[in-house]
Amino acid sequence: MPDRPRVIIALPDTTESGSIADWLAADGFEPVRRSSPRAAAEEMQARTFDLLIADAAFAFRGGLHAAGRRRNPLTPTVVIGDSAAADPAEAVTRRIMFLPRPAERAMLVCTVAMAILEGRPARRSVRKLVNRFEAISNGVPSHIIDMSNEGLRLEMPPDRRSVPPPYFSVRVPLIGVAVNVKRMWALSRQSDGRTAGMWCGGALSQNGARAEQAWRTLVETLSLAAGSSSDSVLIQ
């Protein structure tokens, strides 16, 4: 990341808060820990921030999500805990993401990165969850996890040692669709202290009209097959 996005962490448990702060700091973010809704709200008023991570009770009963929207309506919120407190339809329009406890490092860091880096430009269409399927990314066997008309998220194997180049190709051999992609972000996934693979987000770039149309058709076909039309920011 070219800068260190500021992430406010508002969680009552100091162990949980400390672990999440360590994960984010290791991946290039600037975590700011606050242990109460009031302290977090004061921090949001005092300095700019890129994302709020909050306990579900802090976010809704404590009013933190509303306070964050007053400060900047475009700033996303990651809620840790029970998602029942918020209306799922409202969550899409108000940029709320949900993660269950216990928080898992790879999923949390990936969610934060997607929200900040992919969320800054306004997306023209929702990203749709699909059944994990095979693709070849720059010659490397991979899997597509979710996709939209403008981009996709890839899962790469554990032996992938370096991030993909700034621009690379993605091919779906079974269907014969191939597109050029601009890398937007990449994160190593960790499991028990070992690299468990890599996630990479990309945006379609420099493709002809035929390739773009083939991709849009693929997105629609696979998302219907998966039975999902929800935006990928809703991670339950």
C-alpha atoms as a PDB file:
ATOM      1  CA  MET A   1       0.000   0.000   0.000  1.00  0.00           C
ATOM      2  CA  PRO A   2       1.359   3.450  -0.833  1.00  0.00           C
ATOM      3  CA  ASP A   3       0.300   4.837   2.572  1.00  0.00           C
ATOM      4  CA  ARG A   4      -0.803   3.428   5.912  1.00  0.00           C
ATOM      5  CA  PRO A   5      -4.596   3.548   6.093  1.00  0.00           C
ATOM      6  CA  ARG A   6      -5.806   4.354   9.608  1.00  0.00           C
ATOM      7  CA  VAL A   7      -8.122   1.752  11.114  1.00  0.00           C
ATOM      8  CA  ILE A   8      -9.912   2.443  14.395  1.00  0.00           C
ATOM      9  CA  ILE A   9     -10.385  -0.731  16.440  1.00  0.00           C
ATOM     10  CA  ALA A  10     -13.185  -0.401  19.003  1.00  0.00           C
ATOM     11  CA  LEU A  11     -13.409  -3.676  20.913  1.00  0.00           C
ATOM     12  CA  PRO A  12     -13.958  -4.334  24.635  1.00  0.00           C
ATOM     13  CA  ASP A  13     -11.602  -7.324  24.875  1.00  0.00           C
ATOM     14  CA  THR A  14      -7.971  -6.161  25.033  1.00  0.00           C
ATOM     15  CA  THR A  15      -6.600  -9.516  23.860  1.00  0.00           C
ATOM     16  CA  GLU A  16      -8.819  -9.562  20.788  1.00  0.00           C
ATOM     17  CA  SER A  17      -8.129  -5.912  20.076  1.00  0.00           C
ATOM     18  CA  GLY A  18      -4.375  -6.420  20.443  1.00  0.00           C
ATOM     19  CA  SER A  19      -4.306  -9.415  18.110  1.00  0.00           C
ATOM     20  CA  ILE A  20      -6.247  -7.578  15.413  1.00  0.00           C
ATOM     21  CA  ALA A  21      -4.008  -4.516  15.775  1.00  0.00           C
ATOM     22  CA  ASP A  22      -0.910  -6.698  15.373  1.00  0.00           C
ATOM     23  CA  TRP A  23      -2.319  -8.359  12.245  1.00  0.00           C
ATOM     24  CA  LEU A  24      -3.176  -5.037  10.649  1.00  0.00           C
ATOM     25  CA  ALA A  25       0.145  -3.409  11.537  1.00  0.00           C
ATOM     26  CA  ALA A  26       2.008  -6.359   9.998  1.00  0.00           C
ATOM     27  CA  ASP A  27       0.086  -5.853   6.757  1.00  0.00           C
ATOM     28  CA  GLY A  28       0.766  -2.136   6.427  1.00  0.00           C
ATOM     29  CA  PHE A  29      -2.184  -0.530   8.214  1.00  0.00           C
ATOM     30  CA  GLU A  30      -2.103   1.960  11.091  1.00  0.00           C
ATOM     31  CA  PRO A  31      -4.304   0.487  13.849  1.00  0.00           C
ATOM     32  CA  VAL A  32      -5.701   2.752  16.562  1.00  0.00           C
ATOM     33  CA  ARG A  33      -7.139   0.874  19.545  1.00  0.00           C
ATOM     34  CA  ARG A  34      -9.979   2.255  21.655  1.00  0.00           C
ATOM     35  CA  SER A  35     -11.800   0.256  24.343  1.00  0.00           C
ATOM     36  CA  SER A  36     -15.120   2.109  24.545  1.00  0.00           C
ATOM     37  CA  PRO A  37     -17.641   3.656  22.145  1.00  0.00           C
ATOM     38  CA  ARG A  38     -17.003   7.109  23.618  1.00  0.00           C
ATOM     39  CA  ALA A  39     -13.237   6.903  23.184  1.00  0.00           C
ATOM     40  CA  ALA A  40     -13.626   5.622  19.636  1.00  0.00           C
ATOM     41  CA  ALA A  41     -16.104   8.375  18.757  1.00  0.00           C
ATOM     42  CA  GLU A  42     -13.711  10.993  20.110  1.00  0.00           C
ATOM     43  CA  GLU A  43     -10.913   9.514  17.987  1.00  0.00           C
ATOM     44  CA  MET A  44     -13.132   9.622  14.896  1.00  0.00           C
ATOM     45  CA  GLN A  45     -13.838  13.304  15.515  1.00  0.00           C
ATOM     46  CA  ALA A  46     -10.206  14.173  16.213  1.00  0.00           C
ATOM     47  CA  ARG A  47      -8.506  12.642  13.151  1.00  0.00           C
ATOM     48  CA  THR A  48      -9.369  11.220   9.758  1.00  0.00           C
ATOM     49  CA  PHE A  49      -9.626   7.432   9.424  1.00  0.00           C
ATOM     50  CA  ASP A  50     -10.176   4.932   6.625  1.00  0.00           C
ATOM     51  CA  LEU A  51     -12.165   2.192   8.356  1.00  0.00           C
ATOM     52  CA  LEU A  52     -13.811   1.331  11.668  1.00  0.00           C
ATOM     53  CA  ILE A  53     -13.648  -2.123  13.257  1.00  0.00           C
ATOM     54  CA  ALA A  54     -16.186  -2.324  16.064  1.00  0.00           C
ATOM     55  CA  ASP A  55     -17.824  -4.803  18.384  1.00  0.00           C
ATOM     56  CA  ALA A  56     -21.459  -5.349  17.341  1.00  0.00           C
ATOM     57  CA  ALA A  57     -22.775  -3.807  20.575  1.00  0.00           C
ATOM     58  CA  PHE A  58     -20.438  -0.803  20.192  1.00  0.00           C
ATOM     59  CA  ALA A  59     -21.420  -0.332  16.557  1.00  0.00           C
ATOM     60  CA  PHE A  60     -25.182  -0.358  17.014  1.00  0.00           C
ATOM     61  CA  ARG A  61     -26.224   0.079  20.670  1.00  0.00           C
ATOM     62  CA  GLY A  62     -23.181   2.289  21.306  1.00  0.00           C
ATOM     63  CA  GLY A  63     -23.847   4.340  18.183  1.00  0.00           C
ATOM     64  CA  LEU A  64     -20.389   4.039  16.631  1.00  0.00           C
ATOM     65  CA  HIS A  65     -21.527   3.143  13.136  1.00  0.00           C
ATOM     66  CA  ALA A  66     -23.869   6.128  13.073  1.00  0.00           C
ATOM     67  CA  ALA A  67     -21.094   8.368  14.396  1.00  0.00           C
ATOM     68  CA  GLY A  68     -18.756   7.147  11.679  1.00  0.00           C
ATOM     69  CA  ARG A  69     -21.332   7.868   8.980  1.00  0.00           C
ATOM     70  CA  ARG A  70     -21.801  11.394  10.298  1.00  0.00           C
ATOM     71  CA  ARG A  71     -18.044  11.901  10.134  1.00  0.00           C
ATOM     72  CA  ASN A  72     -17.729  10.420   6.634  1.00  0.00           C
ATOM     73  CA  PRO A  73     -20.675   8.619   4.960  1.00  0.00           C
ATOM     74  CA  LEU A  74     -18.316   6.682   2.664  1.00  0.00           C
ATOM     75  CA  THR A  75     -16.160   5.159   5.416  1.00  0.00           C
ATOM     76  CA  PRO A  76     -16.805   1.399   5.763  1.00  0.00           C
ATOM     77  CA  THR A  77     -17.370  -0.438   9.048  1.00  0.00           C
ATOM     78  CA  VAL A  78     -16.333  -3.981   9.935  1.00  0.00           C
ATOM     79  CA  VAL A  79     -18.536  -5.357  12.715  1.00  0.00           C
ATOM     80  CA  ILE A  80     -17.170  -8.176  14.865  1.00  0.00           C
ATOM     81  CA  GLY A  81     -19.849 -10.393  16.351  1.00  0.00           C
ATOM     82  CA  ASP A  82     -23.579 -10.928  15.863  1.00  0.00           C
ATOM     83  CA  SER A  83     -24.911  -9.449  12.617  1.00  0.00           C
ATOM     84  CA  ALA A  84     -28.540  -9.730  13.766  1.00  0.00           C
ATOM     85  CA  ALA A  85     -28.463  -6.192  15.133  1.00  0.00           C
ATOM     86  CA  ALA A  86     -28.366  -4.700  11.626  1.00  0.00           C
ATOM     87  CA  ASP A  87     -30.702  -5.007   8.669  1.00  0.00           C
ATOM     88  CA  PRO A  88     -28.796  -6.873   5.888  1.00  0.00           C
ATOM     89  CA  ALA A  89     -30.339  -4.674   3.197  1.00  0.00           C
ATOM     90  CA  GLU A  90     -29.200  -1.574   5.062  1.00  0.00           C
ATOM     91  CA  ALA A  91     -25.741  -3.087   5.458  1.00  0.00           C
ATOM     92  CA  VAL A  92     -25.205  -3.140   1.695  1.00  0.00           C
ATOM     93  CA  THR A  93     -26.093   0.512   1.212  1.00  0.00           C
ATOM     94  CA  ARG A  94     -24.248   1.669   4.324  1.00  0.00           C
ATOM     95  CA  ARG A  95     -21.067  -0.321   3.785  1.00  0.00           C
ATOM     96  CA  ILE A  96     -21.205  -2.629   6.803  1.00  0.00           C
ATOM     97  CA  MET A  97     -19.220  -5.862   6.781  1.00  0.00           C
ATOM     98  CA  PHE A  98     -19.713  -8.622   9.352  1.00  0.00           C
ATOM     99  CA  LEU A  99     -17.166 -11.106  10.671  1.00  0.00           C
ATOM    100  CA  PRO A 100     -17.938 -13.777  13.286  1.00  0.00           C
ATOM    101  CA  ARG A 101     -15.926 -14.515  16.402  1.00  0.00           C
ATOM    102  CA  PRO A 102     -13.287 -15.699  16.760  1.00  0.00           C
ATOM    103  CA  ALA A 103     -11.848 -13.441  14.068  1.00  0.00           C
ATOM    104  CA  GLU A 104      -9.562 -15.245  11.610  1.00  0.00           C
ATOM    105  CA  ARG A 105      -6.500 -13.315  10.489  1.00  0.00           C
ATOM    106  CA  ALA A 106      -6.580 -13.922   6.736  1.00  0.00           C
ATOM    107  CA  MET A 107     -10.295 -13.196   6.429  1.00  0.00           C
ATOM    108  CA  LEU A 108     -10.132 -10.067   8.578  1.00  0.00           C
ATOM    109  CA  VAL A 109      -7.127  -8.545   6.802  1.00  0.00           C
ATOM    110  CA  CYS A 110      -8.584  -9.436   3.413  1.00  0.00           C
ATOM    111  CA  THR A 111     -11.927  -7.853   4.352  1.00  0.00           C
ATOM    112  CA  VAL A 112     -10.221  -4.650   5.506  1.00  0.00           C
ATOM    113  CA  ALA A 113      -8.080  -4.453   2.368  1.00  0.00           C
ATOM    114  CA  MET A 114     -11.054  -5.057   0.084  1.00  0.00           C
ATOM    115  CA  ALA A 115     -13.124  -2.420   1.864  1.00  0.00           C
ATOM    116  CA  ILE A 116     -10.420   0.256   1.729  1.00  0.00           C
ATOM    117  CA  LEU A 117      -8.637  -0.400  -1.546  1.00  0.00           C
ATOM    118  CA  GLU A 118     -11.513  -1.622  -3.675  1.00  0.00           C
ATOM    119  CA  GLY A 119     -14.092   0.576  -2.016  1.00  0.00           C
ATOM    120  CA  ARG A 120     -12.388   3.900  -2.712  1.00  0.00           C
ATOM    121  CA  PRO A 121     -13.493   4.067  -6.363  1.00  0.00           C
ATOM    122  CA  ALA A 122     -17.264   3.696  -6.735  1.00  0.00           C
ATOM    123  CA  ARG A 123     -17.980   0.235  -8.076  1.00  0.00           C
ATOM    124  CA  ARG A 124     -20.438   0.169 -10.949  1.00  0.00           C
ATOM    125  CA  SER A 125     -21.821  -3.288 -10.128  1.00  0.00           C
ATOM    126  CA  VAL A 126     -21.911  -5.551  -7.081  1.00  0.00           C
ATOM    127  CA  ARG A 127     -19.336  -8.268  -6.588  1.00  0.00           C
ATOM    128  CA  LYS A 128     -21.026 -11.665  -6.507  1.00  0.00           C
ATOM    129  CA  LEU A 129     -20.011 -14.730  -4.556  1.00  0.00           C
ATOM    130  CA  VAL A 130     -19.589 -17.784  -6.757  1.00  0.00           C
ATOM    131  CA  ASN A 131     -18.846 -21.432  -6.209  1.00  0.00           C
ATOM    132  CA  ARG A 132     -15.060 -21.702  -6.092  1.00  0.00           C
ATOM    133  CA  PHE A 133     -13.864 -22.689  -9.576  1.00  0.00           C
ATOM    134  CA  GLU A 134     -10.591 -23.191 -11.422  1.00  0.00           C
ATOM    135  CA  ALA A 135      -8.734 -20.529 -13.379  1.00  0.00           C
ATOM    136  CA  ILE A 136      -5.203 -19.907 -14.625  1.00  0.00           C
ATOM    137  CA  SER A 137      -3.739 -16.592 -13.456  1.00  0.00           C
ATOM    138  CA  ASN A 138      -0.534 -15.638 -15.265  1.00  0.00           C
ATOM    139  CA  GLY A 139       0.164 -19.323 -15.853  1.00  0.00           C
ATOM    140  CA  VAL A 140      -0.480 -20.307 -12.209  1.00  0.00           C
ATOM    141  CA  PRO A 141      -3.394 -22.669 -11.309  1.00  0.00           C
ATOM    142  CA  SER A 142      -5.746 -20.645  -9.099  1.00  0.00           C
ATOM    143  CA  HIS A 143      -9.379 -20.399  -8.045  1.00  0.00           C
ATOM    144  CA  ILE A 144     -11.844 -17.556  -8.500  1.00  0.00           C
ATOM    145  CA  ILE A 145     -13.690 -16.792  -5.242  1.00  0.00           C
ATOM    146  CA  ASP A 146     -15.913 -13.895  -6.260  1.00  0.00           C
ATOM    147  CA  MET A 147     -16.347 -11.659  -9.291  1.00  0.00           C
ATOM    148  CA  SER A 148     -18.145  -8.680 -10.791  1.00  0.00           C
ATOM    149  CA  ASN A 149     -18.444  -7.202 -14.267  1.00  0.00           C
ATOM    150  CA  GLU A 150     -15.349  -5.115 -13.466  1.00  0.00           C
ATOM    151  CA  GLY A 151     -13.133  -7.465 -11.450  1.00  0.00           C
ATOM    152  CA  LEU A 152     -12.532 -10.563  -9.363  1.00  0.00           C
ATOM    153  CA  ARG A 153     -10.868 -12.074  -6.291  1.00  0.00           C
ATOM    154  CA  LEU A 154      -8.456 -14.964  -6.772  1.00  0.00           C
ATOM    155  CA  GLU A 155      -7.116 -17.595  -4.400  1.00  0.00           C
ATOM    156  CA  MET A 156      -3.592 -18.699  -5.308  1.00  0.00           C
ATOM    157  CA  PRO A 157      -1.779 -21.833  -4.067  1.00  0.00           C
ATOM    158  CA  PRO A 158       0.593 -22.010  -1.044  1.00  0.00           C
ATOM    159  CA  ASP A 159       3.683 -22.329  -3.251  1.00  0.00           C
ATOM    160  CA  ARG A 160       3.001 -18.896  -4.728  1.00  0.00           C
ATOM    161  CA  ARG A 161       5.946 -16.923  -3.296  1.00  0.00           C
ATOM    162  CA  SER A 162       5.438 -13.505  -4.879  1.00  0.00           C
ATOM    163  CA  VAL A 163       2.510 -11.283  -5.753  1.00  0.00           C
ATOM    164  CA  PRO A 164       1.282 -11.253  -9.345  1.00  0.00           C
ATOM    165  CA  PRO A 165       2.675  -8.511 -11.604  1.00  0.00           C
ATOM    166  CA  PRO A 166       0.794  -5.204 -11.890  1.00  0.00           C
ATOM    167  CA  TYR A 167      -0.988  -6.521 -14.994  1.00  0.00           C
ATOM    168  CA  PHE A 168      -1.626 -10.209 -15.672  1.00  0.00           C
ATOM    169  CA  SER A 169      -3.980 -12.552 -17.506  1.00  0.00           C
ATOM    170  CA  VAL A 170      -6.752 -14.699 -16.046  1.00  0.00           C
ATOM    171  CA  ARG A 171      -8.078 -17.614 -18.075  1.00  0.00           C
ATOM    172  CA  VAL A 172     -10.969 -20.002 -17.375  1.00  0.00           C
ATOM    173  CA  PRO A 173      -9.979 -23.076 -19.430  1.00  0.00           C
ATOM    174  CA  LEU A 174     -13.241 -24.967 -19.022  1.00  0.00           C
ATOM    175  CA  ILE A 175     -15.255 -22.156 -20.609  1.00  0.00           C
ATOM    176  CA  GLY A 176     -12.613 -20.552 -22.806  1.00  0.00           C
ATOM    177  CA  VAL A 177     -12.840 -17.048 -21.324  1.00  0.00           C
ATOM    178  CA  ALA A 178      -9.654 -14.997 -20.918  1.00  0.00           C
ATOM    179  CA  VAL A 179      -9.202 -11.411 -19.705  1.00  0.00           C
ATOM    180  CA  ASN A 180      -6.407  -9.035 -18.748  1.00  0.00           C
ATOM    181  CA  VAL A 181      -6.451  -7.871 -15.121  1.00  0.00           C
ATOM    182  CA  LYS A 182      -4.864  -5.031 -13.172  1.00  0.00           C
ATOM    183  CA  ARG A 183      -3.737  -6.093  -9.689  1.00  0.00           C
ATOM    184  CA  MET A 184      -5.436  -3.967  -7.022  1.00  0.00           C
ATOM    185  CA  TRP A 185      -4.200  -5.731  -3.890  1.00  0.00           C
ATOM    186  CA  ALA A 186      -2.601  -9.009  -2.768  1.00  0.00           C
ATOM    187  CA  LEU A 187      -2.375 -10.616   0.662  1.00  0.00           C
ATOM    188  CA  SER A 188      -0.631 -13.751   1.917  1.00  0.00           C
ATOM    189  CA  ARG A 189      -2.902 -16.058   3.894  1.00  0.00           C
ATOM    190  CA  GLN A 190      -1.490 -17.529   7.090  1.00  0.00           C
ATOM    191  CA  SER A 191      -2.468 -20.720   8.918  1.00  0.00           C
ATOM    192  CA  ASP A 192      -0.636 -21.931  12.037  1.00  0.00           C
ATOM    193  CA  GLY A 193       2.204 -19.573  11.230  1.00  0.00           C
ATOM    194  CA  ARG A 194       2.653 -20.929   7.717  1.00  0.00           C
ATOM    195  CA  THR A 195       1.746 -19.452   4.364  1.00  0.00           C
ATOM    196  CA  ALA A 196      -1.519 -21.031   3.237  1.00  0.00           C
ATOM    197  CA  GLY A 197      -1.754 -19.297  -0.109  1.00  0.00           C
ATOM    198  CA  MET A 198      -2.518 -15.837  -1.392  1.00  0.00           C
ATOM    199  CA  TRP A 199      -5.606 -13.775  -2.139  1.00  0.00           C
ATOM    200  CA  CYS A 200      -5.446 -11.236  -4.933  1.00  0.00           C
ATOM    201  CA  GLY A 201      -8.007  -8.659  -6.060  1.00  0.00           C
ATOM    202  CA  GLY A 202      -7.993  -7.450  -9.644  1.00  0.00           C
ATOM    203  CA  ALA A 203      -9.857  -5.116 -11.985  1.00  0.00           C
ATOM    204  CA  LEU A 204     -10.387  -5.868 -15.669  1.00  0.00           C
ATOM    205  CA  SER A 205      -8.076  -3.721 -17.783  1.00  0.00           C
ATOM    206  CA  GLN A 206      -7.271  -3.219 -21.471  1.00  0.00           C
ATOM    207  CA  ASN A 207      -9.649  -5.858 -22.825  1.00  0.00           C
ATOM    208  CA  GLY A 208     -11.455  -5.824 -26.147  1.00  0.00           C
ATOM    209  CA  ALA A 209     -15.239  -5.647 -26.428  1.00  0.00           C
ATOM    210  CA  ARG A 210     -15.558  -9.383 -27.139  1.00  0.00           C
ATOM    211  CA  ALA A 211     -13.512 -10.365 -24.076  1.00  0.00           C
ATOM    212  CA  GLU A 212     -15.478  -7.941 -21.868  1.00  0.00           C
ATOM    213  CA  GLN A 213     -18.790  -9.357 -23.060  1.00  0.00           C
ATOM    214  CA  ALA A 214     -17.613 -12.934 -22.538  1.00  0.00           C
ATOM    215  CA  TRP A 215     -16.594 -12.044 -18.985  1.00  0.00           C
ATOM    216  CA  ARG A 216     -19.940 -10.404 -18.189  1.00  0.00           C
ATOM    217  CA  THR A 217     -21.743 -13.470 -19.491  1.00  0.00           C
ATOM    218  CA  LEU A 218     -19.554 -15.679 -17.301  1.00  0.00           C
ATOM    219  CA  VAL A 219     -20.268 -13.514 -14.226  1.00  0.00           C
ATOM    220  CA  GLU A 220     -24.001 -13.747 -14.760  1.00  0.00           C
ATOM    221  CA  THR A 221     -23.965 -17.488 -15.459  1.00  0.00           C
ATOM    222  CA  LEU A 222     -21.811 -18.453 -12.487  1.00  0.00           C
ATOM    223  CA  SER A 223     -23.518 -16.153 -10.008  1.00  0.00           C
ATOM    224  CA  LEU A 224     -26.899 -17.608 -10.963  1.00  0.00           C
ATOM    225  CA  ALA A 225     -25.489 -21.116 -10.572  1.00  0.00           C
ATOM    226  CA  ALA A 226     -24.198 -20.230  -7.126  1.00  0.00           C
ATOM    227  CA  GLY A 227     -27.615 -18.900  -6.157  1.00  0.00           C
ATOM    228  CA  SER A 228     -26.112 -15.684  -4.802  1.00  0.00           C
ATOM    229  CA  SER A 229     -26.644 -12.078  -5.729  1.00  0.00           C
ATOM    230  CA  SER A 230     -25.241 -10.456  -2.591  1.00  0.00           C
ATOM    231  CA  ASP A 231     -22.294  -8.091  -2.520  1.00  0.00           C
ATOM    232  CA  SER A 232     -19.062  -9.650  -1.277  1.00  0.00           C
ATOM    233  CA  VAL A 233     -18.721  -7.054   1.482  1.00  0.00           C
ATOM    234  CA  LEU A 234     -21.396  -8.999   3.366  1.00  0.00           C
ATOM    235  CA  ILE A 235     -19.163 -11.672   4.896  1.00  0.00           C
ATOM    236  CA  GLN A 236     -21.124 -13.576   7.484  1.00  0.00           C
END
